């Protein structure tokens, strides 16, 4: 189990659940510092906390721990409505259009990283 990948999945669940670290900590009966440590890979949550995090995110524990079980149902719980719309549109587009869409997304992300 990779601490950074686990932490990333925990953060995604927390953010998609619209919870602050302090709020997540209360649900897990730990401090917000512990939640931060989980998310940054500085420490592992307990088994009880992992089960509770999976329940909060409505995802399988196996996905939370190992990143497995990327079923559509799980993805729909983790992705926003716009993410899903974009993916569906992308998959309906032809090969050349997919290349254009990817290039536009990469350019937009690069511009955002530069503060644009």
PDB file of N, CA and C in Angstrom:
ATOM      1  N   UNK A   1       0.858  -1.174   0.000  1.00  0.00           N
ATOM      2  CA  UNK A   1       0.000   0.000   0.000  1.00  0.00           C
ATOM      3  C   UNK A   1       0.900   1.231   0.000  1.00  0.00           C
ATOM      4  N   UNK A   2       0.820   2.023  -1.033  1.00  0.00           N
ATOM      5  CA  UNK A   2       1.615   3.229  -1.182  1.00  0.00           C
ATOM      6  C   UNK A   2       0.969   4.370  -0.383  1.00  0.00           C
ATOM      7  N   UNK A   3       1.715   4.951   0.558  1.00  0.00           N
ATOM      8  CA  UNK A   3       1.158   5.998   1.420  1.00  0.00           C
ATOM      9  C   UNK A   3       0.686   7.218   0.644  1.00  0.00           C
ATOM     10  N   UNK A   4       1.442   7.624  -0.371  1.00  0.00           N
ATOM     11  CA  UNK A   4       1.057   8.822  -1.124  1.00  0.00           C
ATOM     12  C   UNK A   4      -0.204   8.591  -1.944  1.00  0.00           C
ATOM     13  N   UNK A   5      -0.305   7.413  -2.558  1.00  0.00           N
ATOM     14  CA  UNK A   5      -1.509   7.117  -3.346  1.00  0.00           C
ATOM     15  C   UNK A   5      -2.725   6.973  -2.443  1.00  0.00           C
ATOM     16  N   UNK A   6      -2.544   6.300  -1.310  1.00  0.00           N
ATOM     17  CA  UNK A   6      -3.634   6.188  -0.341  1.00  0.00           C
ATOM     18  C   UNK A   6      -4.052   7.583   0.118  1.00  0.00           C
ATOM     19  N   UNK A   7      -3.083   8.410   0.448  1.00  0.00           N
ATOM     20  CA  UNK A   7      -3.371   9.769   0.890  1.00  0.00           C
ATOM     21  C   UNK A   7      -4.132  10.563  -0.151  1.00  0.00           C
ATOM     22  N   UNK A   8      -3.768  10.384  -1.405  1.00  0.00           N
ATOM     23  CA  UNK A   8      -4.459  11.072  -2.497  1.00  0.00           C
ATOM     24  C   UNK A   8      -5.914  10.634  -2.581  1.00  0.00           C
ATOM     25  N   UNK A   9      -6.157   9.331  -2.403  1.00  0.00           N
ATOM     26  CA  UNK A   9      -7.538   8.837  -2.446  1.00  0.00           C
ATOM     27  C   UNK A   9      -8.332   9.355  -1.241  1.00  0.00           C
ATOM     28  N   UNK A  10      -7.699   9.407  -0.069  1.00  0.00           N
ATOM     29  CA  UNK A  10      -8.376   9.940   1.112  1.00  0.00           C
ATOM     30  C   UNK A  10      -8.742  11.407   0.901  1.00  0.00           C
ATOM     31  N   UNK A  11      -7.800  12.190   0.377  1.00  0.00           N
ATOM     32  CA  UNK A  11      -8.064  13.608   0.114  1.00  0.00           C
ATOM     33  C   UNK A  11      -9.209  13.766  -0.885  1.00  0.00           C
ATOM     34  N   UNK A  12      -9.210  12.953  -1.942  1.00  0.00           N
ATOM     35  CA  UNK A  12     -10.266  13.034  -2.951  1.00  0.00           C
ATOM     36  C   UNK A  12     -11.626  12.744  -2.328  1.00  0.00           C
ATOM     37  N   UNK A  13     -11.694  11.735  -1.464  1.00  0.00           N
ATOM     38  CA  UNK A  13     -12.953  11.420  -0.784  1.00  0.00           C
ATOM     39  C   UNK A  13     -13.384  12.593   0.080  1.00  0.00           C
ATOM     40  N   UNK A  14     -12.449  13.141   0.850  1.00  0.00           N
ATOM     41  CA  UNK A  14     -12.790  14.270   1.738  1.00  0.00           C
ATOM     42  C   UNK A  14     -13.288  15.463   0.949  1.00  0.00           C
ATOM     43  N   UNK A  15     -12.562  15.814  -0.114  1.00  0.00           N
ATOM     44  CA  UNK A  15     -12.941  16.980  -0.910  1.00  0.00           C
ATOM     45  C   UNK A  15     -14.271  16.756  -1.629  1.00  0.00           C
ATOM     46  N   UNK A  16     -14.471  15.556  -2.187  1.00  0.00           N
ATOM     47  CA  UNK A  16     -15.728  15.270  -2.874  1.00  0.00           C
ATOM     48  C   UNK A  16     -16.901  15.220  -1.911  1.00  0.00           C
ATOM     49  N   UNK A  17     -16.613  14.945  -0.637  1.00  0.00           N
ATOM     50  CA  UNK A  17     -17.653  14.930   0.396  1.00  0.00           C
ATOM     51  C   UNK A  17     -17.854  16.320   0.989  1.00  0.00           C
ATOM     52  N   UNK A  18     -17.093  17.297   0.453  1.00  0.00           N
ATOM     53  CA  UNK A  18     -17.181  18.703   0.896  1.00  0.00           C
ATOM     54  C   UNK A  18     -16.883  18.846   2.385  1.00  0.00           C
ATOM     55  N   UNK A  19     -15.883  18.086   2.852  1.00  0.00           N
ATOM     56  CA  UNK A  19     -15.499  18.139   4.260  1.00  0.00           C
ATOM     57  C   UNK A  19     -14.156  18.839   4.419  1.00  0.00           C
ATOM     58  N   UNK A  20     -14.019  19.597   5.474  1.00  0.00           N
ATOM     59  CA  UNK A  20     -12.733  20.151   5.883  1.00  0.00           C
ATOM     60  C   UNK A  20     -11.996  19.051   6.650  1.00  0.00           C
ATOM     61  N   UNK A  21     -10.679  19.197   6.784  1.00  0.00           N
ATOM     62  CA  UNK A  21      -9.920  18.190   7.523  1.00  0.00           C
ATOM     63  C   UNK A  21     -10.432  18.051   8.955  1.00  0.00           C
ATOM     64  N   UNK A  22     -10.809  19.147   9.564  1.00  0.00           N
ATOM     65  CA  UNK A  22     -11.325  19.111  10.934  1.00  0.00           C
ATOM     66  C   UNK A  22     -12.627  18.311  10.993  1.00  0.00           C
ATOM     67  N   UNK A  23     -13.504  18.519  10.002  1.00  0.00           N
ATOM     68  CA  UNK A  23     -14.777  17.788   9.975  1.00  0.00           C
ATOM     69  C   UNK A  23     -14.554  16.291   9.759  1.00  0.00           C
ATOM     70  N   UNK A  24     -13.634  15.960   8.854  1.00  0.00           N
ATOM     71  CA  UNK A  24     -13.302  14.558   8.608  1.00  0.00           C
ATOM     72  C   UNK A  24     -12.722  13.945   9.881  1.00  0.00           C
ATOM     73  N   UNK A  25     -11.869  14.698  10.552  1.00  0.00           N
ATOM     74  CA  UNK A  25     -11.280  14.220  11.794  1.00  0.00           C
ATOM     75  C   UNK A  25     -12.331  13.886  12.841  1.00  0.00           C
ATOM     76  N   UNK A  26     -13.343  14.730  12.957  1.00  0.00           N
ATOM     77  CA  UNK A  26     -14.420  14.463  13.926  1.00  0.00           C
ATOM     78  C   UNK A  26     -15.142  13.162  13.585  1.00  0.00           C
ATOM     79  N   UNK A  27     -15.400  12.952  12.293  1.00  0.00           N
ATOM     80  CA  UNK A  27     -16.071  11.719  11.878  1.00  0.00           C
ATOM     81  C   UNK A  27     -15.216  10.486  12.167  1.00  0.00           C
ATOM     82  N   UNK A  28     -13.886  10.649  12.037  1.00  0.00           N
ATOM     83  CA  UNK A  28     -12.961   9.537  12.260  1.00  0.00           C
ATOM     84  C   UNK A  28     -12.505   9.435  13.712  1.00  0.00           C
ATOM     85  N   UNK A  29     -12.881  10.447  14.517  1.00  0.00           N
ATOM     86  CA  UNK A  29     -12.451  10.526  15.916  1.00  0.00           C
ATOM     87  C   UNK A  29     -10.934  10.651  16.030  1.00  0.00           C
ATOM     88  N   UNK A  30     -10.380  11.490  15.134  1.00  0.00           N
ATOM     89  CA  UNK A  30      -8.956  11.825  15.166  1.00  0.00           C
ATOM     90  C   UNK A  30      -8.832  13.328  14.960  1.00  0.00           C
ATOM     91  N   UNK A  31      -7.635  13.861  15.116  1.00  0.00           N
ATOM     92  CA  UNK A  31      -7.428  15.299  14.924  1.00  0.00           C
ATOM     93  C   UNK A  31      -7.340  15.634  13.435  1.00  0.00           C
ATOM     94  N   UNK A  32      -7.498  16.919  13.136  1.00  0.00           N
ATOM     95  CA  UNK A  32      -7.317  17.358  11.751  1.00  0.00           C
ATOM     96  C   UNK A  32      -5.860  17.170  11.319  1.00  0.00           C
ATOM     97  N   UNK A  33      -4.924  17.200  12.265  1.00  0.00           N
ATOM     98  CA  UNK A  33      -3.506  16.943  11.958  1.00  0.00           C
ATOM     99  C   UNK A  33      -3.336  15.503  11.486  1.00  0.00           C
ATOM    100  N   UNK A  34      -4.052  14.562  12.118  1.00  0.00           N
ATOM    101  CA  UNK A  34      -3.988  13.159  11.688  1.00  0.00           C
ATOM    102  C   UNK A  34      -4.524  13.013  10.270  1.00  0.00           C
ATOM    103  N   UNK A  35      -5.625  13.698   9.974  1.00  0.00           N
ATOM    104  CA  UNK A  35      -6.185  13.641   8.618  1.00  0.00           C
ATOM    105  C   UNK A  35      -5.159  14.182   7.621  1.00  0.00           C
ATOM    106  N   UNK A  36      -4.524  15.289   7.969  1.00  0.00           N
ATOM    107  CA  UNK A  36      -3.478  15.846   7.113  1.00  0.00           C
ATOM    108  C   UNK A  36      -2.346  14.844   6.921  1.00  0.00           C
ATOM    109  N   UNK A  37      -1.954  14.180   7.993  1.00  0.00           N
ATOM    110  CA  UNK A  37      -0.881  13.181   7.908  1.00  0.00           C
ATOM    111  C   UNK A  37      -1.284  12.020   6.998  1.00  0.00           C
ATOM    112  N   UNK A  38      -2.541  11.592   7.058  1.00  0.00           N
ATOM    113  CA  UNK A  38      -3.009  10.532   6.162  1.00  0.00           C
ATOM    114  C   UNK A  38      -2.911  10.990   4.711  1.00  0.00           C
ATOM    115  N   UNK A  39      -3.377  12.211   4.470  1.00  0.00           N
ATOM    116  CA  UNK A  39      -3.440  12.729   3.093  1.00  0.00           C
ATOM    117  C   UNK A  39      -2.066  12.968   2.489  1.00  0.00           C
ATOM    118  N   UNK A  40      -1.101  13.289   3.309  1.00  0.00           N
ATOM    119  CA  UNK A  40       0.249  13.565   2.799  1.00  0.00           C
ATOM    120  C   UNK A  40       1.162  12.345   2.865  1.00  0.00           C
ATOM    121  N   UNK A  41       0.636  11.235   3.379  1.00  0.00           N
ATOM    122  CA  UNK A  41       1.416  10.012   3.436  1.00  0.00           C
ATOM    123  C   UNK A  41       2.385   9.940   4.604  1.00  0.00           C
ATOM    124  N   UNK A  42       2.236  10.837   5.569  1.00  0.00           N
ATOM    125  CA  UNK A  42       3.120  10.789   6.734  1.00  0.00           C
ATOM    126  C   UNK A  42       2.744   9.665   7.692  1.00  0.00           C
ATOM    127  N   UNK A  43       1.479   9.242   7.642  1.00  0.00           N
ATOM    128  CA  UNK A  43       1.071   8.116   8.485  1.00  0.00           C
ATOM    129  C   UNK A  43      -0.115   7.398   7.856  1.00  0.00           C
ATOM    130  N   UNK A  44      -0.326   6.172   8.316  1.00  0.00           N
ATOM    131  CA  UNK A  44      -1.457   5.362   7.862  1.00  0.00           C
ATOM    132  C   UNK A  44      -2.613   5.494   8.846  1.00  0.00           C
ATOM    133  N   UNK A  45      -3.837   5.525   8.332  1.00  0.00           N
ATOM    134  CA  UNK A  45      -4.982   5.471   9.243  1.00  0.00           C
ATOM    135  C   UNK A  45      -5.133   4.048   9.801  1.00  0.00           C
ATOM    136  N   UNK A  46      -5.849   3.938  10.906  1.00  0.00           N
ATOM    137  CA  UNK A  46      -6.153   2.615  11.455  1.00  0.00           C
ATOM    138  C   UNK A  46      -7.143   1.908  10.531  1.00  0.00           C
ATOM    139  N   UNK A  47      -7.312   0.617  10.755  1.00  0.00           N
ATOM    140  CA  UNK A  47      -8.288  -0.150   9.974  1.00  0.00           C
ATOM    141  C   UNK A  47      -9.677   0.442  10.154  1.00  0.00           C
ATOM    142  N   UNK A  48     -10.030   0.780  11.394  1.00  0.00           N
ATOM    143  CA  UNK A  48     -11.344   1.381  11.650  1.00  0.00           C
ATOM    144  C   UNK A  48     -11.520   2.679  10.876  1.00  0.00           C
ATOM    145  N   UNK A  49     -10.476   3.491  10.849  1.00  0.00           N
ATOM    146  CA  UNK A  49     -10.543   4.757  10.114  1.00  0.00           C
ATOM    147  C   UNK A  49     -10.676   4.508   8.609  1.00  0.00           C
ATOM    148  N   UNK A  50      -9.948   3.516   8.083  1.00  0.00           N
ATOM    149  CA  UNK A  50     -10.055   3.195   6.656  1.00  0.00           C
ATOM    150  C   UNK A  50     -11.478   2.785   6.296  1.00  0.00           C
ATOM    151  N   UNK A  51     -12.092   1.972   7.127  1.00  0.00           N
ATOM    152  CA  UNK A  51     -13.470   1.534   6.876  1.00  0.00           C
ATOM    153  C   UNK A  51     -14.405   2.735   6.896  1.00  0.00           C
ATOM    154  N   UNK A  52     -14.222   3.628   7.870  1.00  0.00           N
ATOM    155  CA  UNK A  52     -15.073   4.820   7.981  1.00  0.00           C
ATOM    156  C   UNK A  52     -14.869   5.753   6.780  1.00  0.00           C
ATOM    157  N   UNK A  53     -13.621   5.918   6.345  1.00  0.00           N
ATOM    158  CA  UNK A  53     -13.344   6.767   5.178  1.00  0.00           C
ATOM    159  C   UNK A  53     -14.022   6.196   3.944  1.00  0.00           C
ATOM    160  N   UNK A  54     -13.954   4.887   3.771  1.00  0.00           N
ATOM    161  CA  UNK A  54     -14.620   4.243   2.638  1.00  0.00           C
ATOM    162  C   UNK A  54     -16.131   4.465   2.716  1.00  0.00           C
ATOM    163  N   UNK A  55     -16.690   4.375   3.916  1.00  0.00           N
ATOM    164  CA  UNK A  55     -18.122   4.625   4.093  1.00  0.00           C
ATOM    165  C   UNK A  55     -18.473   6.066   3.745  1.00  0.00           C
ATOM    166  N   UNK A  56     -17.660   7.006   4.192  1.00  0.00           N
ATOM    167  CA  UNK A  56     -17.896   8.428   3.902  1.00  0.00           C
ATOM    168  C   UNK A  56     -17.904   8.654   2.391  1.00  0.00           C
ATOM    169  N   UNK A  57     -16.932   8.043   1.706  1.00  0.00           N
ATOM    170  CA  UNK A  57     -16.830   8.216   0.261  1.00  0.00           C
ATOM    171  C   UNK A  57     -17.722   7.303  -0.546  1.00  0.00           C
ATOM    172  N   UNK A  58     -18.396   6.372   0.154  1.00  0.00           N
ATOM    173  CA  UNK A  58     -19.254   5.391  -0.517  1.00  0.00           C
ATOM    174  C   UNK A  58     -18.482   4.631  -1.592  1.00  0.00           C
ATOM    175  N   UNK A  59     -17.256   4.232  -1.221  1.00  0.00           N
ATOM    176  CA  UNK A  59     -16.388   3.475  -2.123  1.00  0.00           C
ATOM    177  C   UNK A  59     -15.983   2.174  -1.446  1.00  0.00           C
ATOM    178  N   UNK A  60     -15.615   1.161  -2.225  1.00  0.00           N
ATOM    179  CA  UNK A  60     -15.139  -0.082  -1.626  1.00  0.00           C
ATOM    180  C   UNK A  60     -13.809   0.132  -0.893  1.00  0.00           C
ATOM    181  N   UNK A  61     -13.636  -0.561   0.227  1.00  0.00           N
ATOM    182  CA  UNK A  61     -12.393  -0.465   0.987  1.00  0.00           C
ATOM    183  C   UNK A  61     -11.207  -0.868   0.111  1.00  0.00           C
ATOM    184  N   UNK A  62     -11.399  -1.875  -0.751  1.00  0.00           N
ATOM    185  CA  UNK A  62     -10.326  -2.317  -1.648  1.00  0.00           C
ATOM    186  C   UNK A  62      -9.842  -1.200  -2.550  1.00  0.00           C
ATOM    187  N   UNK A  63     -10.770  -0.382  -3.033  1.00  0.00           N
ATOM    188  CA  UNK A  63     -10.355   0.746  -3.879  1.00  0.00           C
ATOM    189  C   UNK A  63      -9.568   1.746  -3.043  1.00  0.00           C
ATOM    190  N   UNK A  64     -10.069   2.031  -1.847  1.00  0.00           N
ATOM    191  CA  UNK A  64      -9.394   3.002  -0.990  1.00  0.00           C
ATOM    192  C   UNK A  64      -7.965   2.561  -0.688  1.00  0.00           C
ATOM    193  N   UNK A  65      -7.788   1.302  -0.323  1.00  0.00           N
ATOM    194  CA  UNK A  65      -6.475   0.810   0.082  1.00  0.00           C
ATOM    195  C   UNK A  65      -5.550   0.584  -1.107  1.00  0.00           C
ATOM    196  N   UNK A  66      -6.047  -0.059  -2.139  1.00  0.00           N
ATOM    197  CA  UNK A  66      -5.187  -0.496  -3.240  1.00  0.00           C
ATOM    198  C   UNK A  66      -5.453   0.216  -4.570  1.00  0.00           C
ATOM    199  N   UNK A  67      -6.489   1.027  -4.621  1.00  0.00           N
ATOM    200  CA  UNK A  67      -6.795   1.695  -5.884  1.00  0.00           C
ATOM    201  C   UNK A  67      -7.458   0.766  -6.882  1.00  0.00           C
ATOM    202  N   UNK A  68      -7.953  -0.359  -6.396  1.00  0.00           N
ATOM    203  CA  UNK A  68      -8.606  -1.325  -7.276  1.00  0.00           C
ATOM    204  C   UNK A  68     -10.107  -1.105  -7.261  1.00  0.00           C
ATOM    205  N   UNK A  69     -10.769  -1.723  -8.224  1.00  0.00           N
ATOM    206  CA  UNK A  69     -12.218  -1.645  -8.381  1.00  0.00           C
ATOM    207  C   UNK A  69     -12.624  -0.285  -8.919  1.00  0.00           C
ATOM    208  N   UNK A  70     -12.149   0.014 -10.103  1.00  0.00           N
ATOM    209  CA  UNK A  70     -12.508   1.279 -10.749  1.00  0.00           C
ATOM    210  C   UNK A  70     -13.775   1.079 -11.569  1.00  0.00           C
ATOM    211  N   UNK A  71     -14.826   0.573 -10.919  1.00  0.00           N
ATOM    212  CA  UNK A  71     -16.095   0.376 -11.602  1.00  0.00           C
ATOM    213  C   UNK A  71     -16.722   1.734 -11.889  1.00  0.00           C
ATOM    214  N   UNK A  72     -17.644   1.746 -12.827  1.00  0.00           N
ATOM    215  CA  UNK A  72     -18.329   2.990 -13.165  1.00  0.00           C
ATOM    216  C   UNK A  72     -19.013   3.567 -11.929  1.00  0.00           C
ATOM    217  N   UNK A  73     -19.605   2.689 -11.130  1.00  0.00           N
ATOM    218  CA  UNK A  73     -20.280   3.153  -9.915  1.00  0.00           C
ATOM    219  C   UNK A  73     -19.303   3.858  -8.980  1.00  0.00           C
ATOM    220  N   UNK A  74     -18.109   3.296  -8.805  1.00  0.00           N
ATOM    221  CA  UNK A  74     -17.093   3.914  -7.954  1.00  0.00           C
ATOM    222  C   UNK A  74     -16.628   5.232  -8.555  1.00  0.00           C
ATOM    223  N   UNK A  75     -16.371   5.237  -9.855  1.00  0.00           N
ATOM    224  CA  UNK A  75     -15.911   6.467 -10.508  1.00  0.00           C
ATOM    225  C   UNK A  75     -16.946   7.578 -10.388  1.00  0.00           C
ATOM    226  N   UNK A  76     -18.212   7.235 -10.520  1.00  0.00           N
ATOM    227  CA  UNK A  76     -19.259   8.255 -10.423  1.00  0.00           C
ATOM    228  C   UNK A  76     -19.303   8.887  -9.042  1.00  0.00           C
ATOM    229  N   UNK A  77     -18.863   8.158  -8.024  1.00  0.00           N
ATOM    230  CA  UNK A  77     -18.825   8.709  -6.671  1.00  0.00           C
ATOM    231  C   UNK A  77     -17.624   9.619  -6.475  1.00  0.00           C
ATOM    232  N   UNK A  78     -16.594   9.422  -7.287  1.00  0.00           N
ATOM    233  CA  UNK A  78     -15.352  10.172  -7.121  1.00  0.00           C
ATOM    234  C   UNK A  78     -15.214  11.351  -8.071  1.00  0.00           C
ATOM    235  N   UNK A  79     -15.929  11.302  -9.194  1.00  0.00           N
ATOM    236  CA  UNK A  79     -15.801  12.338 -10.203  1.00  0.00           C
ATOM    237  C   UNK A  79     -16.983  13.292 -10.135  1.00  0.00           C
ATOM    238  N   UNK A  80     -16.739  14.527 -10.516  1.00  0.00           N
ATOM    239  CA  UNK A  80     -17.829  15.497 -10.569  1.00  0.00           C
ATOM    240  C   UNK A  80     -18.689  15.232 -11.802  1.00  0.00           C
ATOM    241  N   UNK A  81     -19.836  15.845 -11.835  1.00  0.00           N
ATOM    242  CA  UNK A  81     -20.732  15.711 -12.987  1.00  0.00           C
ATOM    243  C   UNK A  81     -20.042  16.186 -14.258  1.00  0.00           C
ATOM    244  N   UNK A  82     -19.299  17.283 -14.172  1.00  0.00           N
ATOM    245  CA  UNK A  82     -18.587  17.790 -15.348  1.00  0.00           C
ATOM    246  C   UNK A  82     -17.488  16.835 -15.795  1.00  0.00           C
ATOM    247  N   UNK A  83     -16.796  16.204 -14.828  1.00  0.00           N
ATOM    248  CA  UNK A  83     -15.777  15.209 -15.188  1.00  0.00           C
ATOM    249  C   UNK A  83     -16.399  14.083 -15.995  1.00  0.00           C
ATOM    250  N   UNK A  84     -17.536  13.590 -15.540  1.00  0.00           N
ATOM    251  CA  UNK A  84     -18.213  12.486 -16.217  1.00  0.00           C
ATOM    252  C   UNK A  84     -18.687  12.911 -17.605  1.00  0.00           C
ATOM    253  N   UNK A  85     -19.255  14.113 -17.703  1.00  0.00           N
ATOM    254  CA  UNK A  85     -19.699  14.619 -19.012  1.00  0.00           C
ATOM    255  C   UNK A  85     -18.529  14.713 -19.982  1.00  0.00           C
ATOM    256  N   UNK A  86     -17.395  15.213 -19.488  1.00  0.00           N
ATOM    257  CA  UNK A  86     -16.211  15.353 -20.330  1.00  0.00           C
ATOM    258  C   UNK A  86     -15.712  13.985 -20.802  1.00  0.00           C
ATOM    259  N   UNK A  87     -15.655  13.026 -19.896  1.00  0.00           N
ATOM    260  CA  UNK A  87     -15.197  11.681 -20.271  1.00  0.00           C
ATOM    261  C   UNK A  87     -16.116  11.032 -21.294  1.00  0.00           C
ATOM    262  N   UNK A  88     -17.419  11.175 -21.095  1.00  0.00           N
ATOM    263  CA  UNK A  88     -18.370  10.587 -22.047  1.00  0.00           C
ATOM    264  C   UNK A  88     -18.214  11.227 -23.423  1.00  0.00           C
ATOM    265  N   UNK A  89     -18.108  12.546 -23.448  1.00  0.00           N
ATOM    266  CA  UNK A  89     -17.941  13.244 -24.725  1.00  0.00           C
ATOM    267  C   UNK A  89     -16.626  12.849 -25.384  1.00  0.00           C
ATOM    268  N   UNK A  90     -15.571  12.752 -24.594  1.00  0.00           N
ATOM    269  CA  UNK A  90     -14.262  12.369 -25.116  1.00  0.00           C
ATOM    270  C   UNK A  90     -14.332  10.994 -25.778  1.00  0.00           C
ATOM    271  N   UNK A  91     -14.975  10.049 -25.117  1.00  0.00           N
ATOM    272  CA  UNK A  91     -15.042   8.690 -25.651  1.00  0.00           C
ATOM    273  C   UNK A  91     -15.947   8.581 -26.871  1.00  0.00           C
ATOM    274  N   UNK A  92     -16.854   9.519 -27.032  1.00  0.00           N
ATOM    275  CA  UNK A  92     -17.726   9.516 -28.216  1.00  0.00           C
ATOM    276  C   UNK A  92     -17.049  10.178 -29.417  1.00  0.00           C
ATOM    277  N   UNK A  93     -16.018  10.960 -29.160  1.00  0.00           N
ATOM    278  CA  UNK A  93     -15.306  11.657 -30.237  1.00  0.00           C
ATOM    279  C   UNK A  93     -14.413  10.681 -30.996  1.00  0.00           C
ATOM    280  N   UNK A  94     -14.066  11.044 -32.216  1.00  0.00           N
ATOM    281  CA  UNK A  94     -13.155  10.236 -33.020  1.00  0.00           C
ATOM    282  C   UNK A  94     -11.719  10.411 -32.559  1.00  0.00           C
ATOM    283  N   UNK A  95     -10.824   9.597 -33.102  1.00  0.00           N
ATOM    284  CA  UNK A  95      -9.415   9.617 -32.690  1.00  0.00           C
ATOM    285  C   UNK A  95      -8.767  10.992 -32.845  1.00  0.00           C
ATOM    286  N   UNK A  96      -8.973  11.635 -33.987  1.00  0.00           N
ATOM    287  CA  UNK A  96      -8.357  12.948 -34.216  1.00  0.00           C
ATOM    288  C   UNK A  96      -8.919  13.997 -33.267  1.00  0.00           C
ATOM    289  N   UNK A  97     -10.237  13.954 -33.053  1.00  0.00           N
ATOM    290  CA  UNK A  97     -10.850  14.901 -32.120  1.00  0.00           C
ATOM    291  C   UNK A  97     -10.367  14.666 -30.688  1.00  0.00           C
ATOM    292  N   UNK A  98     -10.138  13.402 -30.323  1.00  0.00           N
ATOM    293  CA  UNK A  98      -9.606  13.109 -28.995  1.00  0.00           C
ATOM    294  C   UNK A  98      -8.227  13.721 -28.819  1.00  0.00           C
ATOM    295  N   UNK A  99      -7.394  13.670 -29.846  1.00  0.00           N
ATOM    296  CA  UNK A  99      -6.065  14.283 -29.775  1.00  0.00           C
ATOM    297  C   UNK A  99      -6.181  15.797 -29.574  1.00  0.00           C
ATOM    298  N   UNK A 100      -7.122  16.416 -30.271  1.00  0.00           N
ATOM    299  CA  UNK A 100      -7.332  17.861 -30.142  1.00  0.00           C
ATOM    300  C   UNK A 100      -7.818  18.200 -28.733  1.00  0.00           C
ATOM    301  N   UNK A 101      -8.774  17.418 -28.235  1.00  0.00           N
ATOM    302  CA  UNK A 101      -9.304  17.650 -26.889  1.00  0.00           C
ATOM    303  C   UNK A 101      -8.193  17.533 -25.851  1.00  0.00           C
ATOM    304  N   UNK A 102      -7.373  16.516 -25.967  1.00  0.00           N
ATOM    305  CA  UNK A 102      -6.256  16.345 -25.036  1.00  0.00           C
ATOM    306  C   UNK A 102      -5.289  17.513 -25.090  1.00  0.00           C
ATOM    307  N   UNK A 103      -4.983  17.965 -26.285  1.00  0.00           N
ATOM    308  CA  UNK A 103      -4.046  19.085 -26.443  1.00  0.00           C
ATOM    309  C   UNK A 103      -4.615  20.359 -25.824  1.00  0.00           C
ATOM    310  N   UNK A 104      -5.902  20.606 -26.040  1.00  0.00           N
ATOM    311  CA  UNK A 104      -6.544  21.789 -25.451  1.00  0.00           C
ATOM    312  C   UNK A 104      -6.500  21.703 -23.924  1.00  0.00           C
ATOM    313  N   UNK A 105      -6.797  20.533 -23.376  1.00  0.00           N
ATOM    314  CA  UNK A 105      -6.781  20.351 -21.924  1.00  0.00           C
ATOM    315  C   UNK A 105      -5.375  20.567 -21.367  1.00  0.00           C
ATOM    316  N   UNK A 106      -4.367  20.040 -22.056  1.00  0.00           N
ATOM    317  CA  UNK A 106      -2.980  20.214 -21.615  1.00  0.00           C
ATOM    318  C   UNK A 106      -2.575  21.688 -21.640  1.00  0.00           C
ATOM    319  N   UNK A 107      -2.964  22.397 -22.699  1.00  0.00           N
ATOM    320  CA  UNK A 107      -2.642  23.826 -22.803  1.00  0.00           C
ATOM    321  C   UNK A 107      -3.343  24.629 -21.707  1.00  0.00           C
ATOM    322  N   UNK A 108      -4.601  24.303 -21.449  1.00  0.00           N
ATOM    323  CA  UNK A 108      -5.357  25.000 -20.399  1.00  0.00           C
ATOM    324  C   UNK A 108      -4.720  24.760 -19.036  1.00  0.00           C
ATOM    325  N   UNK A 109      -4.312  23.516 -18.765  1.00  0.00           N
ATOM    326  CA  UNK A 109      -3.688  23.193 -17.475  1.00  0.00           C
ATOM    327  C   UNK A 109      -2.346  23.916 -17.344  1.00  0.00           C
ATOM    328  N   UNK A 110      -1.575  23.968 -18.416  1.00  0.00           N
ATOM    329  CA  UNK A 110      -0.283  24.655 -18.382  1.00  0.00           C
ATOM    330  C   UNK A 110      -0.469  26.149 -18.142  1.00  0.00           C
ATOM    331  N   UNK A 111      -1.481  26.736 -18.770  1.00  0.00           N
ATOM    332  CA  UNK A 111      -1.757  28.156 -18.576  1.00  0.00           C
ATOM    333  C   UNK A 111      -2.174  28.432 -17.129  1.00  0.00           C
ATOM    334  N   UNK A 112      -2.965  27.536 -16.555  1.00  0.00           N
ATOM    335  CA  UNK A 112      -3.391  27.701 -15.166  1.00  0.00           C
ATOM    336  C   UNK A 112      -2.192  27.598 -14.228  1.00  0.00           C
ATOM    337  N   UNK A 113      -1.286  26.647 -14.505  1.00  0.00           N
ATOM    338  CA  UNK A 113      -0.083  26.486 -13.673  1.00  0.00           C
ATOM    339  C   UNK A 113       0.784  27.742 -13.696  1.00  0.00           C
ATOM    340  N   UNK A 114       0.765  28.444 -14.830  1.00  0.00           N
ATOM    341  CA  UNK A 114       1.568  29.669 -14.966  1.00  0.00           C
ATOM    342  C   UNK A 114       0.831  30.885 -14.425  1.00  0.00           C
ATOM    343  N   UNK A 115      -0.384  30.654 -13.906  1.00  0.00           N
ATOM    344  CA  UNK A 115      -1.147  31.763 -13.341  1.00  0.00           C
ATOM    345  C   UNK A 115      -2.005  32.482 -14.353  1.00  0.00           C
ATOM    346  N   UNK A 116      -2.230  31.838 -15.495  1.00  0.00           N
ATOM    347  CA  UNK A 116      -2.997  32.471 -16.548  1.00  0.00           C
ATOM    348  C   UNK A 116      -4.405  32.165 -16.608  1.00  0.00           C
TER     349      UNK A 116
END
